[in-house]
Amino acid sequence: MSAAPACPACDVAAEANLGKAGVCHLWRCACGLVFADRATWRDPYSDKDYYDPAHQPEEHYPLQVTATERDRIATVQRFTQTGRLLDFGGGIGRTALAAHAAGFSAIVLEDSHKAVSDGKTHHPEIAWLESKAIPDSIADGSLDVITLFHVLEHLTDPRASLAQIHRKLSPGGLLVIEVPNWGSHMRRLRGLHWQFVLDHHVNHFTAASLTRLVEKIGFKLGAVEFRRTFAVNETQGWKEPLKQLLCLLGFGDILRCSFFKSAA
């Protein structure tokens, strides 16, 4: 057997081989991060546009903001009401549109050419940047809020991305991260057959491992929240209180954490 790979969060050799799921050979580090071995993993979207209709349902414009996006921005509004907000890996822009509607100056950072091209055409009220990383045109310390909703699990070098995010945020700035929750009881029951063990998810976080990584970059934890599912059920709203009860019992598959950059 080959040597255990180094953890992308702390550089220590992984302590446990969890097995292979799809194209991901998963390991667990003593710091709590579960990750795909970068030496053997191959990005299934390396030669594809994620939002190409061949891979995703065709979107209809203009986009309509849903309860899921409003719920995400409600978390932001717990801490701040205005400012310059960048949605890192913002996809087709629904979350940024919700932020714009709430009074934020919203920017989408997205590496899908199709998503950015369509967004510029149909939603010029928000700014669009086609890139994998925050460009130099965004000055250090110039952003008040950065959000990553289901992005950090995709990034091969999460520390480097978080370090750049830290630089771009203003002192006291807010960072909101949402990822699948490896600590969920559902994941424990399903093992590597859990619905969020996917070929393009290379990092799997618990609340503790995510907090440990982000605090190491220089942030302070503000709040931890759990959601039962990826999206809010708009047609059967009565299910949402039941889903929150399941979260309290440890069955929240989605983890959402808020952090602050030190004001010093």
C-alpha atoms as a PDB file:
ATOM      1  CA  MET A   1       0.000   0.000   0.000  1.00  0.00           C
ATOM      2  CA  SER A   2       1.209   3.511  -0.802  1.00  0.00           C
ATOM      3  CA  ALA A   3       2.062   5.922   1.994  1.00  0.00           C
ATOM      4  CA  ALA A   4      -0.753   7.923   3.541  1.00  0.00           C
ATOM      5  CA  PRO A   5      -1.211  11.283   1.796  1.00  0.00           C
ATOM      6  CA  ALA A   6      -0.719  14.583   3.593  1.00  0.00           C
ATOM      7  CA  CYS A   7      -3.843  16.333   4.826  1.00  0.00           C
ATOM      8  CA  PRO A   8      -4.653  19.503   2.811  1.00  0.00           C
ATOM      9  CA  ALA A   9      -5.721  21.231   6.042  1.00  0.00           C
ATOM     10  CA  CYS A  10      -2.750  20.541   8.320  1.00  0.00           C
ATOM     11  CA  ASP A  11      -0.075  18.708   6.220  1.00  0.00           C
ATOM     12  CA  VAL A  12       0.008  15.747   8.636  1.00  0.00           C
ATOM     13  CA  ALA A  13      -0.155  12.261   7.117  1.00  0.00           C
ATOM     14  CA  ALA A  14      -3.671  10.822   7.176  1.00  0.00           C
ATOM     15  CA  GLU A  15      -4.389   8.359   9.979  1.00  0.00           C
ATOM     16  CA  ALA A  16      -7.072   6.176   8.344  1.00  0.00           C
ATOM     17  CA  ASN A  17      -7.845   4.870   4.867  1.00  0.00           C
ATOM     18  CA  LEU A  18     -11.641   4.982   4.477  1.00  0.00           C
ATOM     19  CA  GLY A  19     -11.788   3.317   1.068  1.00  0.00           C
ATOM     20  CA  LYS A  20     -12.774   4.333  -2.438  1.00  0.00           C
ATOM     21  CA  ALA A  21     -16.050   5.929  -3.504  1.00  0.00           C
ATOM     22  CA  GLY A  22     -16.287   6.659  -7.219  1.00  0.00           C
ATOM     23  CA  VAL A  23     -13.093   8.452  -8.253  1.00  0.00           C
ATOM     24  CA  CYS A  24     -12.333   9.522  -4.669  1.00  0.00           C
ATOM     25  CA  HIS A  25      -9.953   7.526  -2.498  1.00  0.00           C
ATOM     26  CA  LEU A  26     -10.889   8.922   0.921  1.00  0.00           C
ATOM     27  CA  TRP A  27      -8.677   9.332   3.968  1.00  0.00           C
ATOM     28  CA  ARG A  28      -9.249  10.757   7.438  1.00  0.00           C
ATOM     29  CA  CYS A  29      -6.769  12.975   9.257  1.00  0.00           C
ATOM     30  CA  ALA A  30      -6.358  13.323  13.005  1.00  0.00           C
ATOM     31  CA  CYS A  31      -7.541  16.941  12.590  1.00  0.00           C
ATOM     32  CA  GLY A  32     -10.928  15.563  11.553  1.00  0.00           C
ATOM     33  CA  LEU A  33     -10.866  16.365   7.848  1.00  0.00           C
ATOM     34  CA  VAL A  34     -11.859  13.587   5.461  1.00  0.00           C
ATOM     35  CA  PHE A  35     -10.339  14.159   2.044  1.00  0.00           C
ATOM     36  CA  ALA A  36      -9.666  12.636  -1.350  1.00  0.00           C
ATOM     37  CA  ASP A  37      -6.084  11.672  -2.111  1.00  0.00           C
ATOM     38  CA  ARG A  38      -5.023  14.413  -4.522  1.00  0.00           C
ATOM     39  CA  ALA A  39      -2.455  12.117  -6.153  1.00  0.00           C
ATOM     40  CA  THR A  40      -5.104   9.715  -7.440  1.00  0.00           C
ATOM     41  CA  TRP A  41      -8.170  11.967  -7.771  1.00  0.00           C
ATOM     42  CA  ARG A  42      -9.177  13.311 -11.163  1.00  0.00           C
ATOM     43  CA  ASP A  43     -11.621  16.194 -11.499  1.00  0.00           C
ATOM     44  CA  PRO A  44     -14.666  14.930 -13.442  1.00  0.00           C
ATOM     45  CA  TYR A  45     -15.339  18.501 -14.626  1.00  0.00           C
ATOM     46  CA  SER A  46     -11.788  19.366 -15.690  1.00  0.00           C
ATOM     47  CA  ASP A  47     -12.779  19.428 -19.371  1.00  0.00           C
ATOM     48  CA  LYS A  48     -16.459  20.369 -18.939  1.00  0.00           C
ATOM     49  CA  ASP A  49     -18.495  23.425 -18.034  1.00  0.00           C
ATOM     50  CA  TYR A  50     -20.484  22.486 -14.934  1.00  0.00           C
ATOM     51  CA  TYR A  51     -23.528  24.459 -16.113  1.00  0.00           C
ATOM     52  CA  ASP A  52     -23.560  23.057 -19.630  1.00  0.00           C
ATOM     53  CA  PRO A  53     -27.091  21.701 -20.248  1.00  0.00           C
ATOM     54  CA  ALA A  54     -25.489  18.327 -20.950  1.00  0.00           C
ATOM     55  CA  HIS A  55     -24.674  18.114 -17.229  1.00  0.00           C
ATOM     56  CA  GLN A  56     -27.238  20.342 -15.518  1.00  0.00           C
ATOM     57  CA  PRO A  57     -30.877  21.251 -16.223  1.00  0.00           C
ATOM     58  CA  GLU A  58     -31.236  24.294 -18.468  1.00  0.00           C
ATOM     59  CA  GLU A  59     -31.939  27.441 -16.447  1.00  0.00           C
ATOM     60  CA  HIS A  60     -34.749  29.808 -17.343  1.00  0.00           C
ATOM     61  CA  TYR A  61     -34.105  33.535 -17.119  1.00  0.00           C
ATOM     62  CA  PRO A  62     -34.751  35.894 -15.483  1.00  0.00           C
ATOM     63  CA  LEU A  63     -33.962  33.860 -12.384  1.00  0.00           C
ATOM     64  CA  GLN A  64     -36.359  33.708  -9.463  1.00  0.00           C
ATOM     65  CA  VAL A  65     -34.936  33.826  -5.950  1.00  0.00           C
ATOM     66  CA  THR A  66     -36.197  30.921  -3.834  1.00  0.00           C
ATOM     67  CA  ALA A  67     -36.629  30.395  -0.098  1.00  0.00           C
ATOM     68  CA  THR A  68     -33.268  28.603  -0.042  1.00  0.00           C
ATOM     69  CA  GLU A  69     -31.396  31.745  -1.117  1.00  0.00           C
ATOM     70  CA  ARG A  70     -33.415  33.946   1.224  1.00  0.00           C
ATOM     71  CA  ASP A  71     -32.531  31.589   4.072  1.00  0.00           C
ATOM     72  CA  ARG A  72     -28.849  31.916   3.220  1.00  0.00           C
ATOM     73  CA  ILE A  73     -28.972  35.710   3.191  1.00  0.00           C
ATOM     74  CA  ALA A  74     -30.951  35.667   6.448  1.00  0.00           C
ATOM     75  CA  THR A  75     -27.844  34.132   8.042  1.00  0.00           C
ATOM     76  CA  VAL A  76     -25.746  37.005   6.685  1.00  0.00           C
ATOM     77  CA  GLN A  77     -28.275  39.512   8.002  1.00  0.00           C
ATOM     78  CA  ARG A  78     -27.939  38.133  11.515  1.00  0.00           C
ATOM     79  CA  PHE A  79     -24.572  39.896  11.578  1.00  0.00           C
ATOM     80  CA  THR A  80     -24.633  42.702   9.012  1.00  0.00           C
ATOM     81  CA  GLN A  81     -27.247  44.505   6.938  1.00  0.00           C
ATOM     82  CA  THR A  82     -25.264  46.257   4.198  1.00  0.00           C
ATOM     83  CA  GLY A  83     -21.948  46.207   2.399  1.00  0.00           C
ATOM     84  CA  ARG A  84     -20.067  44.657  -0.464  1.00  0.00           C
ATOM     85  CA  LEU A  85     -20.779  40.916  -0.673  1.00  0.00           C
ATOM     86  CA  LEU A  86     -18.931  38.412  -2.864  1.00  0.00           C
ATOM     87  CA  ASP A  87     -20.474  34.988  -3.414  1.00  0.00           C
ATOM     88  CA  PHE A  88     -17.449  32.759  -4.058  1.00  0.00           C
ATOM     89  CA  GLY A  89     -18.376  29.975  -6.480  1.00  0.00           C
ATOM     90  CA  GLY A  90     -21.739  31.661  -6.848  1.00  0.00           C
ATOM     91  CA  GLY A  91     -22.979  29.546  -9.757  1.00  0.00           C
ATOM     92  CA  ILE A  92     -25.811  31.084 -11.748  1.00  0.00           C
ATOM     93  CA  GLY A  93     -26.208  33.843  -9.174  1.00  0.00           C
ATOM     94  CA  ARG A  94     -29.400  33.188  -7.235  1.00  0.00           C
ATOM     95  CA  THR A  95     -27.773  33.764  -3.837  1.00  0.00           C
ATOM     96  CA  ALA A  96     -26.201  37.004  -5.074  1.00  0.00           C
ATOM     97  CA  LEU A  97     -29.584  38.090  -6.388  1.00  0.00           C
ATOM     98  CA  ALA A  98     -31.072  37.484  -2.937  1.00  0.00           C
ATOM     99  CA  ALA A  99     -28.257  39.553  -1.444  1.00  0.00           C
ATOM    100  CA  HIS A 100     -28.886  42.353  -3.943  1.00  0.00           C
ATOM    101  CA  ALA A 101     -32.600  42.327  -3.089  1.00  0.00           C
ATOM    102  CA  ALA A 102     -31.655  42.618   0.598  1.00  0.00           C
ATOM    103  CA  GLY A 103     -29.593  45.744  -0.057  1.00  0.00           C
ATOM    104  CA  PHE A 104     -26.067  44.388  -0.509  1.00  0.00           C
ATOM    105  CA  SER A 105     -23.755  45.285  -3.376  1.00  0.00           C
ATOM    106  CA  ALA A 106     -23.416  41.762  -4.770  1.00  0.00           C
ATOM    107  CA  ILE A 107     -20.662  40.116  -6.806  1.00  0.00           C
ATOM    108  CA  VAL A 108     -20.605  36.579  -8.208  1.00  0.00           C
ATOM    109  CA  LEU A 109     -17.243  34.824  -8.567  1.00  0.00           C
ATOM    110  CA  GLU A 110     -17.703  31.742 -10.748  1.00  0.00           C
ATOM    111  CA  ASP A 111     -15.474  29.722 -13.081  1.00  0.00           C
ATOM    112  CA  SER A 112     -18.287  28.518 -15.369  1.00  0.00           C
ATOM    113  CA  HIS A 113     -18.171  30.549 -18.561  1.00  0.00           C
ATOM    114  CA  LYS A 114     -21.802  29.736 -19.320  1.00  0.00           C
ATOM    115  CA  ALA A 115     -23.049  30.822 -15.888  1.00  0.00           C
ATOM    116  CA  VAL A 116     -21.160  34.125 -16.046  1.00  0.00           C
ATOM    117  CA  SER A 117     -22.085  34.848 -19.666  1.00  0.00           C
ATOM    118  CA  ASP A 118     -25.772  34.181 -19.042  1.00  0.00           C
ATOM    119  CA  GLY A 119     -25.642  36.133 -15.797  1.00  0.00           C
ATOM    120  CA  LYS A 120     -24.149  39.225 -17.423  1.00  0.00           C
ATOM    121  CA  THR A 121     -26.828  39.097 -20.110  1.00  0.00           C
ATOM    122  CA  HIS A 122     -29.862  38.591 -17.892  1.00  0.00           C
ATOM    123  CA  HIS A 123     -28.848  40.038 -14.504  1.00  0.00           C
ATOM    124  CA  PRO A 124     -26.575  43.077 -14.929  1.00  0.00           C
ATOM    125  CA  GLU A 125     -27.777  44.393 -11.566  1.00  0.00           C
ATOM    126  CA  ILE A 126     -25.090  42.240  -9.950  1.00  0.00           C
ATOM    127  CA  ALA A 127     -21.387  42.110 -10.849  1.00  0.00           C
ATOM    128  CA  TRP A 128     -19.880  39.000 -12.446  1.00  0.00           C
ATOM    129  CA  LEU A 129     -16.301  37.696 -12.323  1.00  0.00           C
ATOM    130  CA  GLU A 130     -15.241  34.608 -14.274  1.00  0.00           C
ATOM    131  CA  SER A 131     -12.413  33.076 -12.258  1.00  0.00           C
ATOM    132  CA  LYS A 132     -11.463  30.305  -9.829  1.00  0.00           C
ATOM    133  CA  ALA A 133      -9.873  32.802  -7.424  1.00  0.00           C
ATOM    134  CA  ILE A 134     -10.600  36.378  -6.398  1.00  0.00           C
ATOM    135  CA  PRO A 135      -8.812  38.575  -8.949  1.00  0.00           C
ATOM    136  CA  ASP A 136      -6.433  41.413  -8.159  1.00  0.00           C
ATOM    137  CA  SER A 137      -9.102  43.858  -9.328  1.00  0.00           C
ATOM    138  CA  ILE A 138     -10.732  43.245  -5.934  1.00  0.00           C
ATOM    139  CA  ALA A 139      -8.484  45.126  -3.528  1.00  0.00           C
ATOM    140  CA  ASP A 140      -7.348  43.573  -0.271  1.00  0.00           C
ATOM    141  CA  GLY A 141      -9.627  44.521   2.611  1.00  0.00           C
ATOM    142  CA  SER A 142     -12.378  45.808   0.304  1.00  0.00           C
ATOM    143  CA  LEU A 143     -15.110  43.197   0.879  1.00  0.00           C
ATOM    144  CA  ASP A 144     -17.507  43.184   3.820  1.00  0.00           C
ATOM    145  CA  VAL A 145     -18.961  39.700   3.322  1.00  0.00           C
ATOM    146  CA  ILE A 146     -17.783  36.591   1.483  1.00  0.00           C
ATOM    147  CA  THR A 147     -20.041  33.564   1.188  1.00  0.00           C
ATOM    148  CA  LEU A 148     -19.213  30.026   0.047  1.00  0.00           C
ATOM    149  CA  PHE A 149     -22.328  27.914  -0.291  1.00  0.00           C
ATOM    150  CA  HIS A 150     -21.322  24.363  -1.213  1.00  0.00           C
ATOM    151  CA  VAL A 151     -17.946  25.404  -2.580  1.00  0.00           C
ATOM    152  CA  LEU A 152     -15.245  24.531  -0.022  1.00  0.00           C
ATOM    153  CA  GLU A 153     -15.855  20.782  -0.438  1.00  0.00           C
ATOM    154  CA  HIS A 154     -14.767  21.191  -4.091  1.00  0.00           C
ATOM    155  CA  LEU A 155     -11.501  23.092  -3.604  1.00  0.00           C
ATOM    156  CA  THR A 156      -8.254  21.149  -3.876  1.00  0.00           C
ATOM    157  CA  ASP A 157      -6.341  23.726  -1.806  1.00  0.00           C
ATOM    158  CA  PRO A 158      -8.844  25.029   0.761  1.00  0.00           C
ATOM    159  CA  ARG A 159      -6.177  26.716   2.885  1.00  0.00           C
ATOM    160  CA  ALA A 160      -4.918  28.840   0.000  1.00  0.00           C
ATOM    161  CA  SER A 161      -8.452  29.896  -0.913  1.00  0.00           C
ATOM    162  CA  LEU A 162      -9.290  30.769   2.695  1.00  0.00           C
ATOM    163  CA  ALA A 163      -6.049  32.739   3.061  1.00  0.00           C
ATOM    164  CA  GLN A 164      -6.950  34.812   0.000  1.00  0.00           C
ATOM    165  CA  ILE A 165     -10.481  35.312   1.339  1.00  0.00           C
ATOM    166  CA  HIS A 166      -8.993  36.521   4.620  1.00  0.00           C
ATOM    167  CA  ARG A 167      -6.909  39.121   2.749  1.00  0.00           C
ATOM    168  CA  LYS A 168      -9.832  40.384   0.698  1.00  0.00           C
ATOM    169  CA  LEU A 169     -12.182  40.829   3.668  1.00  0.00           C
ATOM    170  CA  SER A 170     -12.206  44.074   5.602  1.00  0.00           C
ATOM    171  CA  PRO A 171     -11.320  43.992   9.324  1.00  0.00           C
ATOM    172  CA  GLY A 172     -14.361  42.577  11.110  1.00  0.00           C
ATOM    173  CA  GLY A 173     -15.643  41.182   7.803  1.00  0.00           C
ATOM    174  CA  LEU A 174     -18.013  38.204   7.704  1.00  0.00           C
ATOM    175  CA  LEU A 175     -17.346  34.803   6.136  1.00  0.00           C
ATOM    176  CA  VAL A 176     -20.233  32.330   5.761  1.00  0.00           C
ATOM    177  CA  ILE A 177     -19.458  28.753   4.694  1.00  0.00           C
ATOM    178  CA  GLU A 178     -21.991  26.018   3.975  1.00  0.00           C
ATOM    179  CA  VAL A 179     -20.879  22.437   3.276  1.00  0.00           C
ATOM    180  CA  PRO A 180     -22.238  18.903   3.650  1.00  0.00           C
ATOM    181  CA  ASN A 181     -21.956  17.783   7.278  1.00  0.00           C
ATOM    182  CA  TRP A 182     -19.724  14.721   7.616  1.00  0.00           C
ATOM    183  CA  GLY A 183     -20.753  14.580  11.279  1.00  0.00           C
ATOM    184  CA  SER A 184     -24.417  13.939  10.465  1.00  0.00           C
ATOM    185  CA  HIS A 185     -26.004  10.771  11.831  1.00  0.00           C
ATOM    186  CA  MET A 186     -27.257  10.110   8.303  1.00  0.00           C
ATOM    187  CA  ARG A 187     -23.675  10.032   7.059  1.00  0.00           C
ATOM    188  CA  ARG A 188     -22.731   7.655   9.876  1.00  0.00           C
ATOM    189  CA  LEU A 189     -25.605   5.366   8.898  1.00  0.00           C
ATOM    190  CA  ARG A 190     -24.862   5.483   5.174  1.00  0.00           C
ATOM    191  CA  GLY A 191     -21.059   5.485   5.291  1.00  0.00           C
ATOM    192  CA  LEU A 192     -19.503   6.033   1.868  1.00  0.00           C
ATOM    193  CA  HIS A 193     -22.954   5.599   0.305  1.00  0.00           C
ATOM    194  CA  TRP A 194     -24.061   8.923   1.800  1.00  0.00           C
ATOM    195  CA  GLN A 195     -25.591  11.206  -0.839  1.00  0.00           C
ATOM    196  CA  PHE A 196     -22.853  13.846  -0.531  1.00  0.00           C
ATOM    197  CA  VAL A 197     -19.950  11.472  -1.165  1.00  0.00           C
ATOM    198  CA  LEU A 198     -19.575  12.590  -4.769  1.00  0.00           C
ATOM    199  CA  ASP A 199     -16.798  12.481  -7.351  1.00  0.00           C
ATOM    200  CA  HIS A 200     -16.298  16.255  -7.206  1.00  0.00           C
ATOM    201  CA  HIS A 201     -16.313  16.544  -3.390  1.00  0.00           C
ATOM    202  CA  VAL A 202     -12.689  16.318  -2.269  1.00  0.00           C
ATOM    203  CA  ASN A 203     -13.091  17.652   1.294  1.00  0.00           C
ATOM    204  CA  HIS A 204     -15.600  16.513   3.920  1.00  0.00           C
ATOM    205  CA  PHE A 205     -16.044  18.590   7.072  1.00  0.00           C
ATOM    206  CA  THR A 206     -17.549  18.301  10.508  1.00  0.00           C
ATOM    207  CA  ALA A 207     -18.280  21.462  12.480  1.00  0.00           C
ATOM    208  CA  ALA A 208     -15.090  20.879  14.479  1.00  0.00           C
ATOM    209  CA  SER A 209     -12.786  20.243  11.504  1.00  0.00           C
ATOM    210  CA  LEU A 210     -14.165  23.202   9.547  1.00  0.00           C
ATOM    211  CA  THR A 211     -13.786  25.527  12.535  1.00  0.00           C
ATOM    212  CA  ARG A 212     -10.255  24.272  13.200  1.00  0.00           C
ATOM    213  CA  LEU A 213      -9.198  24.975   9.611  1.00  0.00           C
ATOM    214  CA  VAL A 214     -10.827  28.412   9.298  1.00  0.00           C
ATOM    215  CA  GLU A 215      -9.618  29.623  12.691  1.00  0.00           C
ATOM    216  CA  LYS A 216      -6.076  28.600  11.724  1.00  0.00           C
ATOM    217  CA  ILE A 217      -6.301  31.102   8.855  1.00  0.00           C
ATOM    218  CA  GLY A 218      -7.138  33.916  11.275  1.00  0.00           C
ATOM    219  CA  PHE A 219     -10.924  33.920  11.648  1.00  0.00           C
ATOM    220  CA  LYS A 220     -13.063  33.644  14.765  1.00  0.00           C
ATOM    221  CA  LEU A 221     -16.184  31.481  14.900  1.00  0.00           C
ATOM    222  CA  GLY A 222     -19.450  33.390  15.127  1.00  0.00           C
ATOM    223  CA  ALA A 223     -22.178  30.747  14.828  1.00  0.00           C
ATOM    224  CA  VAL A 224     -22.849  27.146  13.805  1.00  0.00           C
ATOM    225  CA  GLU A 225     -26.135  26.169  12.142  1.00  0.00           C
ATOM    226  CA  PHE A 226     -27.463  22.953  10.655  1.00  0.00           C
ATOM    227  CA  ARG A 227     -29.941  22.305   7.869  1.00  0.00           C
ATOM    228  CA  ARG A 228     -31.544  18.930   7.230  1.00  0.00           C
ATOM    229  CA  THR A 229     -31.390  19.205   3.437  1.00  0.00           C
ATOM    230  CA  PHE A 230     -29.710  21.259   0.730  1.00  0.00           C
ATOM    231  CA  ALA A 231     -32.829  23.313  -0.064  1.00  0.00           C
ATOM    232  CA  VAL A 232     -35.863  24.748   1.718  1.00  0.00           C
ATOM    233  CA  ASN A 233     -39.088  22.937   0.796  1.00  0.00           C
ATOM    234  CA  GLU A 234     -41.221  25.696  -0.680  1.00  0.00           C
ATOM    235  CA  THR A 235     -44.234  23.591  -1.633  1.00  0.00           C
ATOM    236  CA  GLN A 236     -44.545  21.826   1.726  1.00  0.00           C
ATOM    237  CA  GLY A 237     -43.393  24.416   4.216  1.00  0.00           C
ATOM    238  CA  TRP A 238     -44.805  22.471   7.136  1.00  0.00           C
ATOM    239  CA  LYS A 239     -41.849  20.099   6.773  1.00  0.00           C
ATOM    240  CA  GLU A 240     -39.287  22.736   7.739  1.00  0.00           C
ATOM    241  CA  PRO A 241     -39.976  22.656  11.530  1.00  0.00           C
ATOM    242  CA  LEU A 242     -39.740  18.864  11.413  1.00  0.00           C
ATOM    243  CA  LYS A 243     -36.429  19.122   9.560  1.00  0.00           C
ATOM    244  CA  GLN A 244     -35.101  21.509  12.207  1.00  0.00           C
ATOM    245  CA  LEU A 245     -36.111  19.031  14.906  1.00  0.00           C
ATOM    246  CA  LEU A 246     -34.127  16.342  13.081  1.00  0.00           C
ATOM    247  CA  CYS A 247     -31.154  18.728  13.026  1.00  0.00           C
ATOM    248  CA  LEU A 248     -31.378  19.070  16.813  1.00  0.00           C
ATOM    249  CA  LEU A 249     -31.259  15.266  16.989  1.00  0.00           C
ATOM    250  CA  GLY A 250     -28.082  15.176  14.875  1.00  0.00           C
ATOM    251  CA  PHE A 251     -29.585  14.435  11.458  1.00  0.00           C
ATOM    252  CA  GLY A 252     -28.601  17.718   9.808  1.00  0.00           C
ATOM    253  CA  ASP A 253     -26.829  16.832   6.566  1.00  0.00           C
ATOM    254  CA  ILE A 254     -25.891  20.461   5.910  1.00  0.00           C
ATOM    255  CA  LEU A 255     -23.497  22.533   8.015  1.00  0.00           C
ATOM    256  CA  ARG A 256     -23.446  26.361   7.911  1.00  0.00           C
ATOM    257  CA  CYS A 257     -20.831  28.302   9.884  1.00  0.00           C
ATOM    258  CA  SER A 258     -20.253  32.034  10.220  1.00  0.00           C
ATOM    259  CA  PHE A 259     -16.799  33.469  10.963  1.00  0.00           C
ATOM    260  CA  PHE A 260     -15.308  36.924  11.474  1.00  0.00           C
ATOM    261  CA  LYS A 261     -11.970  38.362  10.460  1.00  0.00           C
ATOM    262  CA  SER A 262     -10.314  39.993  13.438  1.00  0.00           C
ATOM    263  CA  ALA A 263     -10.832  43.750  13.546  1.00  0.00           C
ATOM    264  CA  ALA A 264      -7.294  44.262  14.853  1.00  0.00           C
END
